[in-house]
Protein backbone atom coordinates (compact mmCIF):
# COMPACT_ATOMS: atom_id res chain seq x y z
CA MET A 1 -24.53 -8.23 -7.14
CA ARG A 2 -23.50 -4.95 -5.36
CA ALA A 3 -21.77 -2.72 -7.68
CA LEU A 4 -20.63 1.70 -7.18
CA LEU A 5 -23.07 2.78 -10.32
CA VAL A 6 -22.71 6.43 -11.14
CA THR A 7 -25.61 8.13 -13.56
CA ARG A 8 -24.25 11.46 -13.44
CA SER A 9 -21.28 14.76 -12.27
CA GLY A 10 -21.58 14.05 -8.88
CA VAL A 11 -24.13 11.60 -7.44
CA GLY A 12 -23.67 7.55 -7.15
CA SER A 13 -26.19 5.41 -5.63
CA VAL A 14 -24.78 1.05 -5.00
CA GLU A 15 -27.19 -1.28 -6.64
CA GLU A 16 -27.40 -4.04 -7.56
CA VAL A 17 -26.71 -5.46 -10.63
CA ASP A 18 -25.86 -8.99 -12.80
CA PRO A 19 -22.78 -10.57 -12.08
CA PRO A 20 -20.08 -10.63 -14.63
CA VAL A 21 -20.18 -14.48 -16.16
CA PRO A 22 -16.46 -14.52 -17.86
CA ALA A 23 -16.13 -15.68 -21.32
CA ALA A 24 -13.31 -17.59 -22.65
CA GLY A 25 -9.77 -16.15 -21.85
CA GLN A 26 -11.11 -14.23 -18.34
CA VAL A 27 -11.69 -15.09 -15.48
CA VAL A 28 -13.91 -13.63 -12.04
CA VAL A 29 -12.40 -12.03 -9.34
CA ASP A 30 -14.16 -12.02 -5.73
CA ILE A 31 -12.95 -8.93 -4.39
CA ALA A 32 -11.11 -8.35 -1.17
CA LEU A 33 -10.06 -4.31 -1.00
CA THR A 34 -10.33 -1.70 -3.75
CA GLY A 35 -7.63 1.21 -3.21
CA ILE A 36 -10.08 5.11 -4.84
CA CYS A 37 -7.45 7.84 -6.06
CA GLY A 38 -7.59 10.88 -7.28
CA THR A 39 -8.78 9.49 -11.21
CA ASP A 40 -12.17 8.20 -9.60
CA ALA A 41 -12.51 11.42 -7.71
CA ALA A 42 -12.36 13.36 -11.43
CA LEU A 43 -14.85 10.41 -12.99
CA PHE A 44 -17.09 10.82 -10.23
CA HIS A 45 -17.08 14.61 -10.39
CA GLY A 46 -17.83 14.36 -13.82
CA ASN A 47 -14.50 15.60 -15.51
CA GLU A 48 -15.24 16.11 -18.81
CA ALA A 49 -11.48 15.96 -20.49
CA ARG A 50 -10.79 13.01 -18.49
CA ILE A 51 -14.51 11.12 -19.07
CA ARG A 52 -13.89 12.49 -22.96
CA HIS A 53 -9.90 10.86 -22.18
CA ALA A 54 -11.92 7.02 -21.62
CA ARG A 55 -14.20 7.09 -23.77
CA SER A 56 -16.31 6.40 -21.67
CA SER A 57 -20.29 6.65 -21.13
CA TYR A 58 -23.12 7.17 -17.89
CA PRO A 59 -23.35 5.02 -15.68
CA LEU A 60 -19.83 4.66 -14.91
CA ARG A 61 -18.39 1.10 -12.74
CA LEU A 62 -15.21 3.26 -10.39
CA GLY A 63 -12.60 1.65 -9.36
CA HIS A 64 -9.01 0.37 -10.85
CA GLU A 65 -7.16 -0.75 -7.77
CA TRP A 66 -8.22 -4.04 -6.49
CA CYS A 67 -6.92 -7.90 -4.94
CA GLY A 68 -8.92 -10.88 -4.87
CA VAL A 69 -9.66 -14.32 -5.34
CA VAL A 70 -10.47 -15.34 -8.63
CA CYS A 71 -13.81 -17.40 -7.86
CA ALA A 72 -14.58 -18.53 -12.14
CA LEU A 73 -13.38 -19.40 -14.79
CA GLY A 74 -14.39 -19.06 -18.72
CA ASP A 75 -14.01 -21.10 -21.57
CA GLY A 76 -10.00 -22.48 -22.34
CA VAL A 77 -8.78 -20.29 -18.46
CA ASP A 78 -6.00 -23.49 -17.11
CA ARG A 79 -7.33 -24.11 -13.72
CA SER A 80 -4.58 -22.94 -11.96
CA TRP A 81 -6.47 -19.75 -11.68
CA LEU A 82 -9.26 -21.19 -9.92
CA GLY A 83 -8.68 -19.29 -5.97
CA GLN A 84 -5.55 -17.35 -6.67
CA ARG A 85 -5.21 -14.41 -4.71
CA VAL A 86 -4.63 -11.99 -7.33
CA THR A 87 -4.52 -8.60 -9.06
CA GLY A 88 -3.96 -7.26 -12.43
CA ASP A 89 -3.38 -4.69 -15.20
CA THR A 90 -5.47 -1.77 -15.67
CA MET A 91 -4.96 -1.59 -19.13
CA ILE A 92 -6.11 -3.99 -21.46
CA GLY A 93 -5.05 -3.68 -24.84
CA CYS A 94 -6.09 -4.83 -27.90
CA GLY A 95 -3.14 -7.34 -28.73
CA ARG A 96 -3.58 -6.60 -32.86
CA CYS A 97 -2.25 -3.37 -32.61
CA ALA A 98 2.08 -2.75 -33.35
CA ARG A 99 2.11 -1.12 -29.62
CA CYS A 100 0.78 -3.98 -27.86
CA ARG A 101 3.10 -7.03 -30.07
CA ASP A 102 5.98 -4.42 -28.75
CA GLY A 103 5.30 -4.37 -25.34
CA ARG A 104 2.82 -0.62 -25.41
CA HIS A 105 -0.40 -2.30 -24.81
CA HIS A 106 -0.53 0.46 -21.98
CA VAL A 107 -1.06 3.05 -24.57
CA CYS A 108 -3.09 1.10 -27.08
CA ASP A 109 -5.12 4.03 -29.35
CA ASP A 110 -8.72 0.78 -29.25
CA ARG A 111 -7.61 -0.52 -25.30
CA TYR A 112 -9.48 -0.32 -22.68
CA GLU A 113 -8.89 0.70 -18.37
CA ILE A 114 -10.44 -1.46 -15.63
CA GLY A 115 -13.02 0.88 -14.22
CA VAL A 116 -12.18 4.52 -15.85
CA ARG A 117 -11.77 3.71 -19.53
CA ARG A 118 -14.41 2.59 -22.76
CA ASP A 119 -16.76 1.28 -19.86
CA TRP A 120 -15.00 -1.43 -18.53
CA PRO A 121 -16.87 -1.98 -15.13
CA GLY A 122 -14.28 -1.55 -12.34
CA ALA A 123 -13.92 -3.12 -9.00
CA LEU A 124 -16.47 -0.83 -6.78
CA ALA A 125 -17.66 -3.67 -6.79
CA GLU A 126 -18.26 -7.41 -5.58
CA GLN A 127 -17.02 -9.26 -8.12
CA LEU A 128 -14.83 -7.86 -11.41
CA LEU A 129 -14.09 -9.30 -14.56
CA VAL A 130 -10.49 -9.97 -16.31
CA PRO A 131 -8.73 -10.81 -18.88
CA VAL A 132 -7.08 -13.99 -17.94
CA GLU A 133 -3.25 -11.63 -19.65
CA ALA A 134 -4.29 -8.73 -17.33
CA LEU A 135 -3.53 -11.31 -13.29
CA ARG A 136 -0.55 -11.06 -11.63
CA PRO A 137 -0.47 -13.55 -8.62
CA LEU A 138 0.01 -12.61 -5.02
CA PRO A 139 2.54 -14.33 -2.57
CA PRO A 140 1.23 -15.08 0.98
CA SER A 141 3.90 -12.62 2.02
CA VAL A 142 1.75 -9.60 -0.26
CA THR A 143 -1.39 -8.94 2.11
CA ASP A 144 -4.85 -7.91 0.92
CA GLN A 145 -4.26 -3.83 1.63
CA MET A 146 -0.59 -4.30 -0.63
CA GLY A 147 -2.35 -6.29 -2.79
CA ALA A 148 -4.54 -3.62 -3.08
CA MET A 149 -1.68 -1.03 -4.02
CA VAL A 150 0.11 -2.88 -6.59
CA GLU A 151 -1.37 -0.70 -8.43
CA PRO A 152 -0.56 2.59 -7.39
CA GLY A 153 2.83 0.99 -6.26
CA GLY A 154 3.85 0.63 -9.88
CA ASN A 155 3.18 3.68 -11.02
CA ALA A 156 5.73 5.95 -8.36
CA TYR A 157 8.40 2.26 -9.31
CA ARG A 158 8.19 3.30 -12.85
CA ALA A 159 8.75 7.11 -12.29
CA VAL A 160 12.12 6.40 -9.66
CA ALA A 161 13.16 3.85 -12.38
CA ALA A 162 12.29 6.20 -14.67
CA SER A 163 14.41 9.53 -12.87
CA GLY A 164 17.64 7.38 -12.85
CA VAL A 165 18.39 8.15 -9.91
CA THR A 166 22.09 5.87 -8.17
CA GLU A 167 22.95 6.04 -4.57
CA GLY A 168 23.56 9.08 -3.16
CA GLN A 169 21.92 11.16 -5.68
CA ARG A 170 19.24 13.63 -4.85
CA LEU A 171 16.15 12.79 -5.05
CA LEU A 172 12.50 15.67 -4.39
CA ILE A 173 9.59 14.55 -5.23
CA LEU A 174 6.50 17.12 -4.94
CA GLY A 175 3.62 15.78 -3.44
CA PRO A 176 2.90 13.81 0.04
CA GLY A 177 0.47 11.76 -1.45
CA THR A 178 0.22 8.30 -1.80
CA ILE A 179 1.79 7.82 -5.34
CA GLY A 180 4.37 10.20 -3.57
CA LEU A 181 5.59 8.32 -1.03
CA LEU A 182 5.67 4.74 -2.52
CA CYS A 183 8.19 6.91 -4.94
CA ALA A 184 9.44 8.18 -1.83
CA GLN A 185 10.02 4.39 -0.87
CA PHE A 186 11.61 3.64 -4.03
CA GLY A 187 14.10 5.75 -4.59
CA LEU A 188 15.12 4.92 -1.05
CA THR A 189 15.53 1.62 -2.16
CA ASN A 190 17.08 3.16 -4.34
CA GLY A 191 19.83 4.50 -2.29
CA ALA A 192 18.99 7.72 -2.35
CA GLU A 193 19.54 11.42 -1.32
CA VAL A 194 15.10 11.65 -1.33
CA HIS A 195 13.63 14.62 0.15
CA VAL A 196 9.66 15.40 -0.46
CA LEU A 197 8.02 18.76 -0.52
CA GLY A 198 4.40 19.66 -0.16
CA ARG A 199 1.27 22.51 1.31
CA THR A 200 1.74 21.99 4.36
CA ALA A 201 3.05 20.42 7.29
CA ALA A 202 0.37 18.18 8.40
CA SER A 203 0.76 15.99 5.09
CA LEU A 204 4.76 15.90 5.27
CA GLU A 205 3.90 13.89 8.86
CA LEU A 206 4.42 10.90 6.60
CA ALA A 207 7.44 11.58 4.46
CA ARG A 208 9.39 11.53 7.80
CA SER A 209 7.85 8.86 9.52
CA LEU A 210 9.40 7.01 5.91
CA GLY A 211 13.03 7.83 6.29
CA VAL A 212 13.23 10.52 4.37
CA HIS A 213 16.01 12.58 4.03
CA GLY A 214 13.20 15.53 4.18
CA ALA A 215 10.53 16.75 4.40
CA TRP A 216 9.24 20.87 3.23
CA THR A 217 6.40 22.74 2.13
CA GLN A 218 7.78 25.71 -0.51
CA ASP A 219 8.94 28.68 1.64
CA ILE A 220 11.26 26.73 3.62
CA LEU A 221 13.30 24.21 0.37
CA PRO A 222 16.52 24.76 0.77
CA ASP A 223 18.33 25.27 -2.61
CA ARG A 224 20.13 21.74 -3.54
CA PRO A 225 21.22 20.42 -6.45
CA TRP A 226 18.42 18.19 -7.61
CA ASP A 227 19.76 15.80 -9.30
CA ALA A 228 15.63 13.89 -10.48
CA VAL A 229 12.47 15.96 -9.80
CA ILE A 230 8.91 13.50 -9.90
CA ASP A 231 6.00 15.71 -10.36
CA ALA A 232 3.19 13.52 -8.42
CA THR A 233 0.88 16.43 -7.75
CA ASP A 234 -2.87 17.36 -9.88
CA SER A 235 -1.47 20.66 -9.86
CA ALA A 236 -0.86 22.91 -12.85
CA ARG A 237 1.70 25.24 -11.26
CA MET A 238 4.35 22.00 -10.40
CA PRO A 239 5.80 20.63 -13.78
CA GLN A 240 7.42 24.22 -14.57
CA ALA A 241 8.48 24.36 -10.73
CA ALA A 242 9.74 21.02 -11.78
CA VAL A 243 11.64 22.21 -14.46
CA ASP A 244 13.01 25.23 -12.41
CA LEU A 245 13.80 23.38 -9.41
CA VAL A 246 16.52 19.92 -11.43
CA GLU A 247 19.63 20.43 -12.07
CA PRO A 248 20.90 21.09 -15.42
CA GLY A 249 21.55 17.67 -17.65
CA ARG A 250 19.28 15.89 -15.22
CA ARG A 251 15.32 14.53 -15.74
CA VAL A 252 12.17 15.39 -14.59
CA VAL A 253 9.26 12.62 -14.17
CA LEU A 254 5.63 14.06 -14.24
CA ILE A 255 3.08 11.14 -12.51
CA GLY A 256 0.94 13.35 -11.59
CA VAL A 257 -2.33 14.00 -13.95
CA SER A 258 -3.31 18.19 -14.17
CA THR A 259 -7.07 18.71 -14.11
CA ASP A 260 -6.56 21.18 -15.63
CA PRO A 261 -3.32 22.21 -18.73
CA SER A 262 0.13 22.50 -17.91
CA THR A 263 2.49 24.72 -19.34
CA ILE A 264 6.27 24.12 -19.84
CA ASP A 265 8.11 26.91 -20.57
CA THR A 266 10.30 24.84 -23.46
CA ARG A 267 13.68 26.96 -23.21
CA THR A 268 13.88 26.30 -18.96
CA VAL A 269 13.89 22.80 -21.08
CA LEU A 270 16.32 23.81 -23.91
CA ARG A 271 19.37 25.19 -22.22
CA LYS A 272 19.34 23.26 -19.01
CA ASP A 273 19.74 20.44 -21.23
CA LEU A 274 16.44 17.97 -19.09
CA ARG A 275 15.06 15.08 -20.11
CA VAL A 276 11.29 15.52 -19.25
CA ILE A 277 9.70 12.58 -19.34
CA GLY A 278 6.05 11.51 -18.90
CA LEU A 279 3.81 7.71 -17.62
CA LEU A 280 1.11 6.60 -17.78
CA GLY A 281 -0.16 3.90 -15.60
CA ALA A 282 0.87 1.27 -13.50
CA SER A 283 1.59 -1.56 -16.51
CA LEU A 284 5.58 -1.99 -16.65
CA GLY A 285 5.83 -2.05 -12.86
CA LEU A 286 3.44 -4.27 -11.91
CA VAL A 287 5.98 -7.33 -11.46
CA PRO A 288 8.64 -5.39 -9.40
CA THR A 289 5.81 -3.55 -6.96
CA ILE A 290 4.64 -7.47 -6.05
CA THR A 291 8.12 -8.27 -5.91
CA ALA A 292 9.38 -5.37 -3.64
CA TYR A 293 5.96 -5.48 -0.90
CA ALA A 294 6.94 -9.76 -1.01
CA GLU A 295 10.46 -9.00 0.30
CA GLY A 296 9.18 -5.70 2.58
CA ARG A 297 11.98 -3.18 0.92
CA VAL A 298 8.25 -1.43 0.12
CA ASP A 299 5.39 -1.45 2.80
CA PRO A 300 2.44 0.55 0.82
CA THR A 301 0.17 -0.55 4.61
CA PRO A 302 1.61 3.38 6.64
CA LEU A 303 -0.23 5.35 3.69
CA VAL A 304 -4.01 3.56 4.47
CA GLY A 305 -5.95 6.20 6.03
CA SER A 306 -9.02 4.46 6.33
CA ILE A 307 -10.79 2.22 5.05
CA ILE A 308 -14.66 1.88 4.59
CA GLY A 309 -17.31 0.30 3.45
CA LEU A 310 -19.13 0.18 -0.09
CA ASP A 311 -21.70 2.26 0.78
CA GLU A 312 -19.52 5.45 2.10
CA VAL A 313 -17.86 5.75 -1.20
CA PRO A 314 -20.07 8.11 -2.71
CA ALA A 315 -19.81 10.35 0.01
CA THR A 316 -16.21 10.24 0.16
CA LEU A 317 -15.38 10.55 -3.13
CA SER A 318 -18.37 13.53 -2.90
CA GLY A 319 -16.09 15.52 0.07
CA TRP A 320 -12.22 14.64 -2.03
CA ALA A 321 -10.64 17.67 -1.13
CA ALA A 322 -11.02 18.21 2.24
CA THR A 323 -9.29 14.73 2.53
CA THR A 324 -6.02 15.47 0.42
CA GLU A 325 -4.40 16.67 3.38
CA ARG A 326 -4.70 13.69 5.24
CA VAL A 327 -1.63 11.92 6.97
CA ARG A 328 -2.66 8.97 5.89
CA PRO A 329 -3.79 9.72 2.31
CA LYS A 330 -5.12 6.18 0.88
CA ILE A 331 -8.65 5.32 0.87
CA LEU A 332 -9.53 1.54 1.05
CA VAL A 333 -12.88 -0.55 0.31
CA ASP A 334 -14.15 -3.13 1.12
CA PRO A 335 -16.90 -4.50 -0.93
CA ARG A 336 -18.47 -6.77 1.71
CA ARG A 337 -19.16 -4.34 3.69
């Protein structure tokens, strides 16, 4: 089968590799669409901190946002999975440790992450190997484009839930990228007054079309009491900005991962009596996201800017910085193009 291999920092190509063979408890999925994001770009460019944290090695096999159809079963897997449209959990815990046993498999120290951690091959390929317990079925009303965006949606769902915003409260989201705009949609479904902060007017056009109550650049951001602030950027400066902006006694949620270490003045956190919450991964938000997509309460498809072929991925990741201000931020990949 064809798969993207990243052989060294900034160098990747599509190669013929052996197709996956499912062991007991595993399935193979024919990939329909795969999303690419900043994590893929950071790994592609050889960000040493990311690769070290991921316990990964070259050649990297990227891709953790995906959907497809189950095409092969390992021993012990119920045959009803065959032919099912699915997406799945990126995080694969060991299943034995205390964290896994009490529902925290996404922070298991020995976890794999599909396409990210400990060299589990990712979904920028024609087929993907997945443990059956990681699968999440997709109803007919969830299209392939939606299915490939369940993973970022799960992150956004968790961020909004952690913010605690309720009807009539004011939510500020830093960053109009894929997760930031999905946070905006989930915030609107909660009845919150939602505002988005971006760097350019062009990057905020889509936020306005989604129905947010305000879309601002930093120089015109109004001075209002923000009941919650979500940082969905990769800027090392923005966590402190979130702490500075939020109302005392309220919450800051950190869902973006900065390339460089960020700092927060804990004196401000203490004096404002804040809760600052960090979130890792979509695992606990996948099912609510699928439900929201299926019921039409959240629609991720306006965020899709393009669908490209597998051969176009190396050039796209190589020029990733130039794509961050796209009006429609999400790029999907059809691995059979």
